[in-house]
PDB file of N, CA and C in Angstrom:
ATOM      1  N   MET A   1     100.207 125.666  83.442  1.00  0.00           N
ATOM      2  CA  MET A   1      99.933 127.064  83.630  1.00  0.00           C
ATOM      3  C   MET A   1     101.139 127.875  83.165  1.00  0.00           C
ATOM      4  N   GLU A   2     100.880 128.937  82.479  1.00  0.00           N
ATOM      5  CA  GLU A   2     101.977 129.802  82.051  1.00  0.00           C
ATOM      6  C   GLU A   2     102.540 130.565  83.252  1.00  0.00           C
ATOM      7  N   GLN A   3     103.827 130.859  83.183  1.00  0.00           N
ATOM      8  CA  GLN A   3     104.531 131.545  84.272  1.00  0.00           C
ATOM      9  C   GLN A   3     103.853 132.865  84.643  1.00  0.00           C
ATOM     10  N   LYS A   4     103.317 133.577  83.673  1.00  0.00           N
ATOM     11  CA  LYS A   4     102.698 134.879  83.941  1.00  0.00           C
ATOM     12  C   LYS A   4     101.477 134.780  84.862  1.00  0.00           C
ATOM     13  N   HIS A   5     100.868 133.598  84.948  1.00  0.00           N
ATOM     14  CA  HIS A   5      99.696 133.422  85.811  1.00  0.00           C
ATOM     15  C   HIS A   5     100.064 133.084  87.253  1.00  0.00           C
ATOM     16  N   LEU A   6     101.290 132.659  87.489  1.00  0.00           N
ATOM     17  CA  LEU A   6     101.676 132.190  88.818  1.00  0.00           C
ATOM     18  C   LEU A   6     101.733 133.304  89.857  1.00  0.00           C
ATOM     19  N   ASP A   7     101.991 134.529  89.435  1.00  0.00           N
ATOM     20  CA  ASP A   7     102.089 135.646  90.385  1.00  0.00           C
ATOM     21  C   ASP A   7     100.767 135.955  91.079  1.00  0.00           C
ATOM     22  N   ASN A   8      99.647 135.701  90.395  1.00  0.00           N
ATOM     23  CA  ASN A   8      98.358 136.065  90.999  1.00  0.00           C
ATOM     24  C   ASN A   8      97.423 134.873  91.185  1.00  0.00           C
ATOM     25  N   ILE A   9      97.931 133.661  91.095  1.00  0.00           N
ATOM     26  CA  ILE A   9      97.088 132.471  91.171  1.00  0.00           C
ATOM     27  C   ILE A   9      96.363 132.342  92.515  1.00  0.00           C
ATOM     28  N   PHE A  10      96.910 132.924  93.575  1.00  0.00           N
ATOM     29  CA  PHE A  10      96.300 132.810  94.903  1.00  0.00           C
ATOM     30  C   PHE A  10      95.417 134.005  95.259  1.00  0.00           C
ATOM     31  N   GLU A  11      95.209 134.929  94.330  1.00  0.00           N
ATOM     32  CA  GLU A  11      94.328 136.072  94.577  1.00  0.00           C
ATOM     33  C   GLU A  11      92.875 135.644  94.395  1.00  0.00           C
ATOM     34  N   ARG A  12      91.976 136.248  95.183  1.00  0.00           N
ATOM     35  CA  ARG A  12      90.552 135.899  95.090  1.00  0.00           C
ATOM     36  C   ARG A  12      89.994 136.204  93.705  1.00  0.00           C
ATOM     37  N   PHE A  13      89.122 135.325  93.269  1.00  0.00           N
ATOM     38  CA  PHE A  13      88.386 135.433  92.011  1.00  0.00           C
ATOM     39  C   PHE A  13      89.290 135.447  90.784  1.00  0.00           C
ATOM     40  N   THR A  14      90.473 134.862  90.919  1.00  0.00           N
ATOM     41  CA  THR A  14      91.395 134.765  89.792  1.00  0.00           C
ATOM     42  C   THR A  14      91.083 133.509  88.995  1.00  0.00           C
ATOM     43  N   GLN A  15      90.933 133.680  87.696  1.00  0.00           N
ATOM     44  CA  GLN A  15      90.753 132.554  86.788  1.00  0.00           C
ATOM     45  C   GLN A  15      91.699 132.734  85.621  1.00  0.00           C
ATOM     46  N   ILE A  16      92.176 131.619  85.122  1.00  0.00           N
ATOM     47  CA  ILE A  16      93.039 131.651  83.948  1.00  0.00           C
ATOM     48  C   ILE A  16      92.147 131.471  82.737  1.00  0.00           C
ATOM     49  N   ASP A  17      92.251 132.362  81.792  1.00  0.00           N
ATOM     50  CA  ASP A  17      91.420 132.299  80.598  1.00  0.00           C
ATOM     51  C   ASP A  17      91.992 131.258  79.644  1.00  0.00           C
ATOM     52  N   ASP A  18      91.628 130.005  79.888  1.00  0.00           N
ATOM     53  CA  ASP A  18      92.164 128.881  79.132  1.00  0.00           C
ATOM     54  C   ASP A  18      91.027 127.897  78.885  1.00  0.00           C
ATOM     55  N   ILE A  19      90.915 127.390  77.700  1.00  0.00           N
ATOM     56  CA  ILE A  19      89.838 126.466  77.345  1.00  0.00           C
ATOM     57  C   ILE A  19      89.840 125.228  78.240  1.00  0.00           C
ATOM     58  N   MET A  20      91.017 124.762  78.659  1.00  0.00           N
ATOM     59  CA  MET A  20      91.098 123.575  79.511  1.00  0.00           C
ATOM     60  C   MET A  20      90.514 123.852  80.896  1.00  0.00           C
ATOM     61  N   VAL A  21      90.728 125.031  81.408  1.00  0.00           N
ATOM     62  CA  VAL A  21      90.213 125.384  82.727  1.00  0.00           C
ATOM     63  C   VAL A  21      88.707 125.613  82.663  1.00  0.00           C
ATOM     64  N   ARG A  22      88.226 126.186  81.587  1.00  0.00           N
ATOM     65  CA  ARG A  22      86.813 126.539  81.461  1.00  0.00           C
ATOM     66  C   ARG A  22      85.887 125.319  81.434  1.00  0.00           C
ATOM     67  N   LYS A  23      86.409 124.131  81.136  1.00  0.00           N
ATOM     68  CA  LYS A  23      85.581 122.926  81.164  1.00  0.00           C
ATOM     69  C   LYS A  23      84.990 122.714  82.556  1.00  0.00           C
ATOM     70  N   ASN A  24      85.752 123.023  83.573  1.00  0.00           N
ATOM     71  CA  ASN A  24      85.339 122.853  84.962  1.00  0.00           C
ATOM     72  C   ASN A  24      85.360 124.207  85.651  1.00  0.00           C
ATOM     73  N   GLU A  25      84.650 125.142  85.090  1.00  0.00           N
ATOM     74  CA  GLU A  25      84.696 126.520  85.573  1.00  0.00           C
ATOM     75  C   GLU A  25      84.279 126.625  87.033  1.00  0.00           C
ATOM     76  N   GLY A  26      85.006 127.438  87.778  1.00  0.00           N
ATOM     77  CA  GLY A  26      84.689 127.680  89.183  1.00  0.00           C
ATOM     78  C   GLY A  26      84.631 129.168  89.438  1.00  0.00           C
ATOM     79  N   SER A  27      84.581 129.531  90.696  1.00  0.00           N
ATOM     80  CA  SER A  27      84.458 130.941  91.065  1.00  0.00           C
ATOM     81  C   SER A  27      85.799 131.657  91.117  1.00  0.00           C
ATOM     82  N   GLY A  28      86.896 130.897  91.158  1.00  0.00           N
ATOM     83  CA  GLY A  28      88.212 131.513  91.255  1.00  0.00           C
ATOM     84  C   GLY A  28      88.608 131.859  92.675  1.00  0.00           C
ATOM     85  N   ILE A  29      87.941 131.262  93.645  1.00  0.00           N
ATOM     86  CA  ILE A  29      88.242 131.580  95.044  1.00  0.00           C
ATOM     87  C   ILE A  29      88.937 130.428  95.772  1.00  0.00           C
ATOM     88  N   GLY A  30      88.955 129.250  95.194  1.00  0.00           N
ATOM     89  CA  GLY A  30      89.481 128.058  95.864  1.00  0.00           C
ATOM     90  C   GLY A  30      90.906 128.169  96.353  1.00  0.00           C
ATOM     91  N   LEU A  31      91.835 128.527  95.480  1.00  0.00           N
ATOM     92  CA  LEU A  31      93.240 128.613  95.886  1.00  0.00           C
ATOM     93  C   LEU A  31      93.480 129.749  96.872  1.00  0.00           C
ATOM     94  N   SER A  32      92.695 130.804  96.775  1.00  0.00           N
ATOM     95  CA  SER A  32      92.798 131.897  97.744  1.00  0.00           C
ATOM     96  C   SER A  32      92.403 131.415  99.138  1.00  0.00           C
ATOM     97  N   LEU A  33      91.334 130.636  99.218  1.00  0.00           N
ATOM     98  CA  LEU A  33      90.906 130.091 100.505  1.00  0.00           C
ATOM     99  C   LEU A  33      91.933 129.115 101.064  1.00  0.00           C
ATOM    100  N   VAL A  34      92.493 128.284 100.200  1.00  0.00           N
ATOM    101  CA  VAL A  34      93.530 127.341 100.631  1.00  0.00           C
ATOM    102  C   VAL A  34      94.714 128.097 101.217  1.00  0.00           C
ATOM    103  N   LYS A  35      95.183 129.126 100.498  1.00  0.00           N
ATOM    104  CA  LYS A  35      96.327 129.909 100.979  1.00  0.00           C
ATOM    105  C   LYS A  35      96.006 130.597 102.307  1.00  0.00           C
ATOM    106  N   SER A  36      94.819 131.158 102.433  1.00  0.00           N
ATOM    107  CA  SER A  36      94.424 131.820 103.683  1.00  0.00           C
ATOM    108  C   SER A  36      94.406 130.834 104.848  1.00  0.00           C
ATOM    109  N   PHE A  37      93.852 129.658 104.626  1.00  0.00           N
ATOM    110  CA  PHE A  37      93.789 128.632 105.668  1.00  0.00           C
ATOM    111  C   PHE A  37      95.192 128.199 106.090  1.00  0.00           C
ATOM    112  N   ILE A  38      96.057 127.979 105.119  1.00  0.00           N
ATOM    113  CA  ILE A  38      97.437 127.575 105.407  1.00  0.00           C
ATOM    114  C   ILE A  38      98.174 128.682 106.160  1.00  0.00           C
ATOM    115  N   ASN A  39      98.000 129.936 105.738  1.00  0.00           N
ATOM    116  CA  ASN A  39      98.645 131.067 106.417  1.00  0.00           C
ATOM    117  C   ASN A  39      98.163 131.216 107.862  1.00  0.00           C
ATOM    118  N   LEU A  40      96.882 130.958 108.111  1.00  0.00           N
ATOM    119  CA  LEU A  40      96.352 131.026 109.474  1.00  0.00           C
ATOM    120  C   LEU A  40      97.033 130.019 110.399  1.00  0.00           C
ATOM    121  N   HIS A  41      97.536 128.948 109.823  1.00  0.00           N
ATOM    122  CA  HIS A  41      98.227 127.917 110.594  1.00  0.00           C
ATOM    123  C   HIS A  41      99.741 128.129 110.600  1.00  0.00           C
ATOM    124  N   GLY A  42     100.182 129.291 110.136  1.00  0.00           N
ATOM    125  CA  GLY A  42     101.608 129.611 110.148  1.00  0.00           C
ATOM    126  C   GLY A  42     102.391 128.961 109.029  1.00  0.00           C
ATOM    127  N   GLY A  43     101.700 128.502 108.004  1.00  0.00           N
ATOM    128  CA  GLY A  43     102.364 127.817 106.899  1.00  0.00           C
ATOM    129  C   GLY A  43     102.458 128.663 105.654  1.00  0.00           C
ATOM    130  N   ASP A  44     102.805 128.006 104.568  1.00  0.00           N
ATOM    131  CA  ASP A  44     102.950 128.684 103.278  1.00  0.00           C
ATOM    132  C   ASP A  44     102.648 127.682 102.172  1.00  0.00           C
ATOM    133  N   ILE A  45     102.311 128.172 100.996  1.00  0.00           N
ATOM    134  CA  ILE A  45     102.059 127.336  99.829  1.00  0.00           C
ATOM    135  C   ILE A  45     102.810 127.930  98.646  1.00  0.00           C
ATOM    136  N   LYS A  46     103.423 127.077  97.859  1.00  0.00           N
ATOM    137  CA  LYS A  46     104.169 127.484  96.667  1.00  0.00           C
ATOM    138  C   LYS A  46     103.649 126.685  95.479  1.00  0.00           C
ATOM    139  N   VAL A  47     103.829 127.220  94.282  1.00  0.00           N
ATOM    140  CA  VAL A  47     103.415 126.510  93.073  1.00  0.00           C
ATOM    141  C   VAL A  47     104.512 126.593  92.022  1.00  0.00           C
ATOM    142  N   LYS A  48     104.722 125.479  91.333  1.00  0.00           N
ATOM    143  CA  LYS A  48     105.584 125.417  90.151  1.00  0.00           C
ATOM    144  C   LYS A  48     104.720 124.845  89.044  1.00  0.00           C
ATOM    145  N   SER A  49     104.888 125.315  87.827  1.00  0.00           N
ATOM    146  CA  SER A  49     104.052 124.824  86.745  1.00  0.00           C
ATOM    147  C   SER A  49     104.789 124.860  85.421  1.00  0.00           C
ATOM    148  N   SER A  50     104.504 123.875  84.601  1.00  0.00           N
ATOM    149  CA  SER A  50     105.019 123.817  83.235  1.00  0.00           C
ATOM    150  C   SER A  50     103.845 123.568  82.307  1.00  0.00           C
ATOM    151  N   VAL A  51     103.699 124.394  81.289  1.00  0.00           N
ATOM    152  CA  VAL A  51     102.602 124.263  80.339  1.00  0.00           C
ATOM    153  C   VAL A  51     102.655 122.875  79.706  1.00  0.00           C
ATOM    154  N   GLY A  52     101.526 122.189  79.717  1.00  0.00           N
ATOM    155  CA  GLY A  52     101.429 120.867  79.119  1.00  0.00           C
ATOM    156  C   GLY A  52     101.929 119.731  79.992  1.00  0.00           C
ATOM    157  N   GLU A  53     102.561 120.056  81.124  1.00  0.00           N
ATOM    158  CA  GLU A  53     103.084 119.017  82.012  1.00  0.00           C
ATOM    159  C   GLU A  53     102.346 118.953  83.339  1.00  0.00           C
ATOM    160  N   GLY A  54     101.818 120.065  83.802  1.00  0.00           N
ATOM    161  CA  GLY A  54     101.095 120.073  85.068  1.00  0.00           C
ATOM    162  C   GLY A  54     101.670 121.058  86.057  1.00  0.00           C
ATOM    163  N   SER A  55     101.046 121.094  87.219  1.00  0.00           N
ATOM    164  CA  SER A  55     101.437 122.022  88.277  1.00  0.00           C
ATOM    165  C   SER A  55     101.741 121.253  89.552  1.00  0.00           C
ATOM    166  N   GLU A  56     102.666 121.787  90.327  1.00  0.00           N
ATOM    167  CA  GLU A  56     103.057 121.179  91.598  1.00  0.00           C
ATOM    168  C   GLU A  56     102.838 122.206  92.692  1.00  0.00           C
ATOM    169  N   PHE A  57     101.990 121.883  93.646  1.00  0.00           N
ATOM    170  CA  PHE A  57     101.732 122.742  94.792  1.00  0.00           C
ATOM    171  C   PHE A  57     102.420 122.124  95.997  1.00  0.00           C
ATOM    172  N   THR A  58     103.184 122.932  96.714  1.00  0.00           N
ATOM    173  CA  THR A  58     103.883 122.472  97.909  1.00  0.00           C
ATOM    174  C   THR A  58     103.370 123.271  99.095  1.00  0.00           C
ATOM    175  N   VAL A  59     102.944 122.562 100.134  1.00  0.00           N
ATOM    176  CA  VAL A  59     102.412 123.187 101.343  1.00  0.00           C
ATOM    177  C   VAL A  59     103.393 122.959 102.481  1.00  0.00           C
ATOM    178  N   TYR A  60     103.724 124.026 103.179  1.00  0.00           N
ATOM    179  CA  TYR A  60     104.596 123.969 104.349  1.00  0.00           C
ATOM    180  C   TYR A  60     103.739 124.269 105.578  1.00  0.00           C
ATOM    181  N   LEU A  61     103.675 123.324 106.511  1.00  0.00           N
ATOM    182  CA  LEU A  61     102.928 123.515 107.751  1.00  0.00           C
ATOM    183  C   LEU A  61     103.833 123.206 108.935  1.00  0.00           C
ATOM    184  N   PRO A  62     104.053 124.178 109.809  1.00  0.00           N
ATOM    185  CA  PRO A  62     104.888 123.921 110.984  1.00  0.00           C
ATOM    186  C   PRO A  62     104.120 123.090 112.013  1.00  0.00           C
ATOM    187  N   ILE A  63     104.836 122.221 112.697  1.00  0.00           N
ATOM    188  CA  ILE A  63     104.237 121.476 113.799  1.00  0.00           C
ATOM    189  C   ILE A  63     105.168 121.560 114.995  1.00  0.00           C
ATOM    190  N   LYS A  64     104.599 121.466 116.154  1.00  0.00           N
ATOM    191  CA  LYS A  64     105.383 121.466 117.389  1.00  0.00           C
ATOM    192  C   LYS A  64     105.333 120.060 117.974  1.00  0.00           C
ATOM    193  N   LEU A  65     106.495 119.517 118.284  1.00  0.00           N
ATOM    194  CA  LEU A  65     106.590 118.203 118.908  1.00  0.00           C
ATOM    195  C   LEU A  65     107.291 118.348 120.244  1.00  0.00           C
ATOM    196  N   ASP A  66     106.770 117.662 121.265  1.00  0.00           N
ATOM    197  CA  ASP A  66     107.545 117.661 122.497  1.00  0.00           C
ATOM    198  C   ASP A  66     108.605 116.567 122.381  1.00  0.00           C
ATOM    199  N   GLU A  67     109.549 116.568 123.274  1.00  0.00           N
ATOM    200  CA  GLU A  67     110.708 115.683 123.172  1.00  0.00           C
ATOM    201  C   GLU A  67     110.342 114.207 123.183  1.00  0.00           C
ATOM    202  N   ASN A  68     109.220 113.832 123.805  1.00  0.00           N
ATOM    203  CA  ASN A  68     108.837 112.432 123.928  1.00  0.00           C
ATOM    204  C   ASN A  68     107.848 111.975 122.858  1.00  0.00           C
ATOM    205  N   SER A  69     107.470 112.862 121.954  1.00  0.00           N
ATOM    206  CA  SER A  69     106.488 112.526 120.930  1.00  0.00           C
ATOM    207  C   SER A  69     107.106 111.697 119.820  1.00  0.00           C
ATOM    208  N   GLU A  70     106.284 110.791 119.289  1.00  0.00           N
ATOM    209  CA  GLU A  70     106.666 110.088 118.075  1.00  0.00           C
ATOM    210  C   GLU A  70     105.853 110.697 116.948  1.00  0.00           C
ATOM    211  N   LEU A  71     106.478 110.887 115.810  1.00  0.00           N
ATOM    212  CA  LEU A  71     105.806 111.484 114.665  1.00  0.00           C
ATOM    213  C   LEU A  71     105.036 110.405 113.927  1.00  0.00           C
ATOM    214  N   GLU A  72     103.719 110.587 113.811  1.00  0.00           N
ATOM    215  CA  GLU A  72     102.892 109.650 113.068  1.00  0.00           C
ATOM    216  C   GLU A  72     102.015 110.463 112.132  1.00  0.00           C
ATOM    217  N   ILE A  73     102.026 110.108 110.873  1.00  0.00           N
ATOM    218  CA  ILE A  73     101.260 110.847 109.878  1.00  0.00           C
ATOM    219  C   ILE A  73     100.300 109.896 109.191  1.00  0.00           C
ATOM    220  N   THR A  74      99.026 110.264 109.170  1.00  0.00           N
ATOM    221  CA  THR A  74      98.039 109.530 108.394  1.00  0.00           C
ATOM    222  C   THR A  74      97.500 110.513 107.375  1.00  0.00           C
ATOM    223  N   TYR A  75      97.619 110.172 106.119  1.00  0.00           N
ATOM    224  CA  TYR A  75      97.240 111.094 105.061  1.00  0.00           C
ATOM    225  C   TYR A  75      96.562 110.311 103.955  1.00  0.00           C
ATOM    226  N   GLU A  76      95.310 110.651 103.650  1.00  0.00           N
ATOM    227  CA  GLU A  76      94.575 109.965 102.603  1.00  0.00           C
ATOM    228  C   GLU A  76      94.442 110.898 101.407  1.00  0.00           C
ATOM    229  N   VAL A  77      94.716 110.369 100.251  1.00  0.00           N
ATOM    230  CA  VAL A  77      94.692 111.173  99.032  1.00  0.00           C
ATOM    231  C   VAL A  77      93.745 110.532  98.028  1.00  0.00           C
ATOM    232  N   SER A  78      92.917 111.360  97.389  1.00  0.00           N
ATOM    233  CA  SER A  78      92.083 110.863  96.302  1.00  0.00           C
ATOM    234  C   SER A  78      92.101 111.883  95.179  1.00  0.00           C
ATOM    235  N   ASP A  79      91.900 111.413  93.980  1.00  0.00           N
ATOM    236  CA  ASP A  79      91.856 112.259  92.781  1.00  0.00           C
ATOM    237  C   ASP A  79      93.148 113.027  92.543  1.00  0.00           C
ATOM    238  N   MET A  80      94.273 112.443  92.889  1.00  0.00           N
ATOM    239  CA  MET A  80      95.566 113.059  92.621  1.00  0.00           C
ATOM    240  C   MET A  80      96.444 112.043  91.916  1.00  0.00           C
ATOM    241  N   ASP A  81      97.305 112.537  91.050  1.00  0.00           N
ATOM    242  CA  ASP A  81      98.225 111.650  90.353  1.00  0.00           C
ATOM    243  C   ASP A  81      99.365 111.199  91.246  1.00  0.00           C
ATOM    244  N   ALA A  82      99.877 112.099  92.079  1.00  0.00           N
ATOM    245  CA  ALA A  82     101.011 111.752  92.935  1.00  0.00           C
ATOM    246  C   ALA A  82     101.082 112.701  94.122  1.00  0.00           C
ATOM    247  N   VAL A  83     101.532 112.165  95.222  1.00  0.00           N
ATOM    248  CA  VAL A  83     101.785 112.972  96.411  1.00  0.00           C
ATOM    249  C   VAL A  83     103.114 112.523  96.985  1.00  0.00           C
ATOM    250  N   VAL A  84     103.954 113.475  97.324  1.00  0.00           N
ATOM    251  CA  VAL A  84     105.230 113.169  97.956  1.00  0.00           C
ATOM    252  C   VAL A  84     105.191 113.777  99.344  1.00  0.00           C
ATOM    253  N   LEU A  85     105.424 112.963 100.342  1.00  0.00           N
ATOM    254  CA  LEU A  85     105.411 113.431 101.722  1.00  0.00           C
ATOM    255  C   LEU A  85     106.798 113.255 102.295  1.00  0.00           C
ATOM    256  N   LYS A  86     107.358 114.341 102.793  1.00  0.00           N
ATOM    257  CA  LYS A  86     108.680 114.303 103.405  1.00  0.00           C
ATOM    258  C   LYS A  86     108.542 114.820 104.826  1.00  0.00           C
ATOM    259  N   THR A  87     109.233 114.210 105.759  1.00  0.00           N
ATOM    260  CA  THR A  87     109.225 114.732 107.121  1.00  0.00           C
ATOM    261  C   THR A  87     110.620 115.197 107.488  1.00  0.00           C
ATOM    262  N   SER A  88     110.664 116.242 108.256  1.00  0.00           N
ATOM    263  CA  SER A  88     111.924 116.773 108.738  1.00  0.00           C
ATOM    264  C   SER A  88     111.757 117.094 110.215  1.00  0.00           C
ATOM    265  N   VAL A  89     111.952 116.094 111.067  1.00  0.00           N
ATOM    266  CA  VAL A  89     111.787 116.291 112.503  1.00  0.00           C
ATOM    267  C   VAL A  89     112.828 117.268 113.028  1.00  0.00           C
ATOM    268  N   GLU A  90     113.991 117.273 112.394  1.00  0.00           N
ATOM    269  CA  GLU A  90     115.070 118.168 112.812  1.00  0.00           C
ATOM    270  C   GLU A  90     114.605 119.621 112.837  1.00  0.00           C
ATOM    271  N   PHE A  91     113.780 119.997 111.865  1.00  0.00           N
ATOM    272  CA  PHE A  91     113.300 121.374 111.783  1.00  0.00           C
ATOM    273  C   PHE A  91     111.855 121.501 112.255  1.00  0.00           C
ATOM    274  N   SER A  92     111.291 120.413 112.765  1.00  0.00           N
ATOM    275  CA  SER A  92     109.907 120.383 113.255  1.00  0.00           C
ATOM    276  C   SER A  92     108.911 120.870 112.217  1.00  0.00           C
ATOM    277  N   ASP A  93     109.111 120.484 110.977  1.00  0.00           N
ATOM    278  CA  ASP A  93     108.184 120.822 109.898  1.00  0.00           C
ATOM    279  C   ASP A  93     107.779 119.552 109.167  1.00  0.00           C
ATOM    280  N   ILE A  94     106.593 119.566 108.625  1.00  0.00           N
ATOM    281  CA  ILE A  94     106.166 118.513 107.713  1.00  0.00           C
ATOM    282  C   ILE A  94     105.896 119.189 106.386  1.00  0.00           C
ATOM    283  N   TYR A  95     106.371 118.610 105.318  1.00  0.00           N
ATOM    284  CA  TYR A  95     106.188 119.169 103.986  1.00  0.00           C
ATOM    285  C   TYR A  95     105.261 118.263 103.193  1.00  0.00           C
ATOM    286  N   PHE A  96     104.146 118.807 102.700  1.00  0.00           N
ATOM    287  CA  PHE A  96     103.228 118.062 101.848  1.00  0.00           C
ATOM    288  C   PHE A  96     103.394 118.535 100.436  1.00  0.00           C
TER     289      PHE A  96
END
Protein backbone atom coordinates (compact mmCIF):
# COMPACT_ATOMS: atom_id res chain seq x y z
CA MET A 1 0.00 0.00 0.00
CA GLU A 2 1.28 3.45 -0.79
CA GLN A 3 1.94 5.76 2.16
CA LYS A 4 -0.75 8.20 0.98
CA HIS A 5 -3.44 5.55 1.61
CA LEU A 6 -2.43 4.82 5.20
CA ASP A 7 -3.98 8.00 6.64
CA ASN A 8 -7.52 6.95 5.74
CA ILE A 9 -7.30 3.14 5.58
CA PHE A 10 -9.49 2.77 8.69
CA GLU A 11 -12.28 5.09 7.47
CA ARG A 12 -15.60 3.49 6.48
CA PHE A 13 -16.09 2.59 2.83
CA THR A 14 -12.46 3.31 1.99
CA GLN A 15 -11.03 1.36 -0.92
CA ILE A 16 -7.69 1.67 -2.60
CA ASP A 17 -8.04 2.03 -6.35
CA ASP A 18 -5.56 -0.70 -7.24
CA ILE A 19 -5.94 -3.60 -9.67
CA MET A 20 -4.59 -6.03 -7.05
CA VAL A 21 -7.24 -5.03 -4.52
CA ARG A 22 -10.07 -5.08 -7.06
CA LYS A 23 -9.63 -8.84 -7.64
CA ASN A 24 -11.23 -9.40 -4.23
CA GLU A 25 -13.40 -6.32 -4.10
CA GLY A 26 -15.20 -5.63 -0.83
CA SER A 27 -17.35 -2.91 0.65
CA GLY A 28 -14.46 -1.02 2.25
CA ILE A 29 -15.89 -1.35 5.75
CA GLY A 30 -13.81 -4.23 7.16
CA LEU A 31 -10.85 -2.34 8.61
CA SER A 32 -13.17 0.33 9.99
CA LEU A 33 -15.13 -2.33 11.88
CA VAL A 34 -11.91 -3.91 13.15
CA LYS A 35 -10.65 -0.55 14.43
CA SER A 36 -14.01 0.23 16.09
CA PHE A 37 -14.08 -3.16 17.82
CA ILE A 38 -10.49 -2.77 19.05
CA ASN A 39 -11.18 0.79 20.28
CA LEU A 40 -14.25 -0.42 22.21
CA HIS A 41 -11.91 -2.72 24.11
CA GLY A 42 -9.53 0.14 24.93
CA GLY A 43 -6.98 -0.89 22.32
CA ASP A 44 -5.46 0.51 19.18
CA ILE A 45 -4.40 -0.69 15.72
CA LYS A 46 -1.48 0.56 13.62
CA VAL A 47 -0.40 -0.24 10.07
CA LYS A 48 2.95 -0.14 8.27
CA SER A 49 3.16 -0.89 4.57
CA SER A 50 5.68 -1.09 1.77
CA VAL A 51 4.56 -1.25 -1.86
CA GLY A 52 5.32 -4.69 -3.27
CA GLU A 53 6.33 -6.10 0.12
CA GLY A 54 3.10 -6.18 2.11
CA SER A 55 1.44 -4.60 5.10
CA GLU A 56 1.88 -5.14 8.83
CA PHE A 57 -1.04 -4.52 11.18
CA THR A 58 -0.29 -4.31 14.90
CA VAL A 59 -3.09 -4.56 17.45
CA TYR A 60 -2.68 -3.35 21.03
CA LEU A 61 -5.19 -4.75 23.53
CA PRO A 62 -4.91 -4.00 27.25
CA ILE A 63 -5.59 -6.80 29.71
CA LYS A 64 -5.96 -6.77 33.46
CA LEU A 65 -4.28 -9.50 35.48
CA ASP A 66 -4.61 -10.03 39.18
CA GLU A 67 -1.44 -10.77 41.12
CA ASN A 68 -2.07 -14.54 41.25
CA SER A 69 -2.97 -15.00 37.57
CA GLU A 70 -0.81 -16.88 35.13
CA LEU A 71 -0.79 -15.54 31.59
CA GLU A 72 -1.95 -18.14 29.08
CA ILE A 73 -2.59 -17.29 25.46
CA THR A 74 -4.25 -19.54 22.90
CA TYR A 75 -4.27 -18.03 19.45
CA GLU A 76 -5.17 -19.79 16.21
CA VAL A 77 -4.18 -18.25 12.91
CA SER A 78 -5.24 -19.21 9.40
CA ASP A 79 -4.64 -17.62 6.00
CA MET A 80 -1.75 -15.50 7.26
CA ASP A 81 1.89 -15.58 6.27
CA ALA A 82 3.23 -14.74 9.72
CA VAL A 83 2.11 -13.70 13.16
CA VAL A 84 4.37 -12.41 15.91
CA LEU A 85 3.01 -12.51 19.43
CA LYS A 86 4.80 -10.68 22.21
CA THR A 87 3.70 -10.48 25.82
CA SER A 88 4.60 -7.77 28.26
CA VAL A 89 3.25 -8.67 31.69
CA GLU A 90 5.20 -5.76 33.16
CA PHE A 91 2.87 -3.34 31.37
CA SER A 92 -0.18 -5.66 31.46
CA ASP A 93 -0.54 -5.53 27.68
CA ILE A 94 -0.54 -8.18 25.00
CA TYR A 95 0.63 -7.16 21.54
CA PHE A 96 -0.65 -9.05 18.48
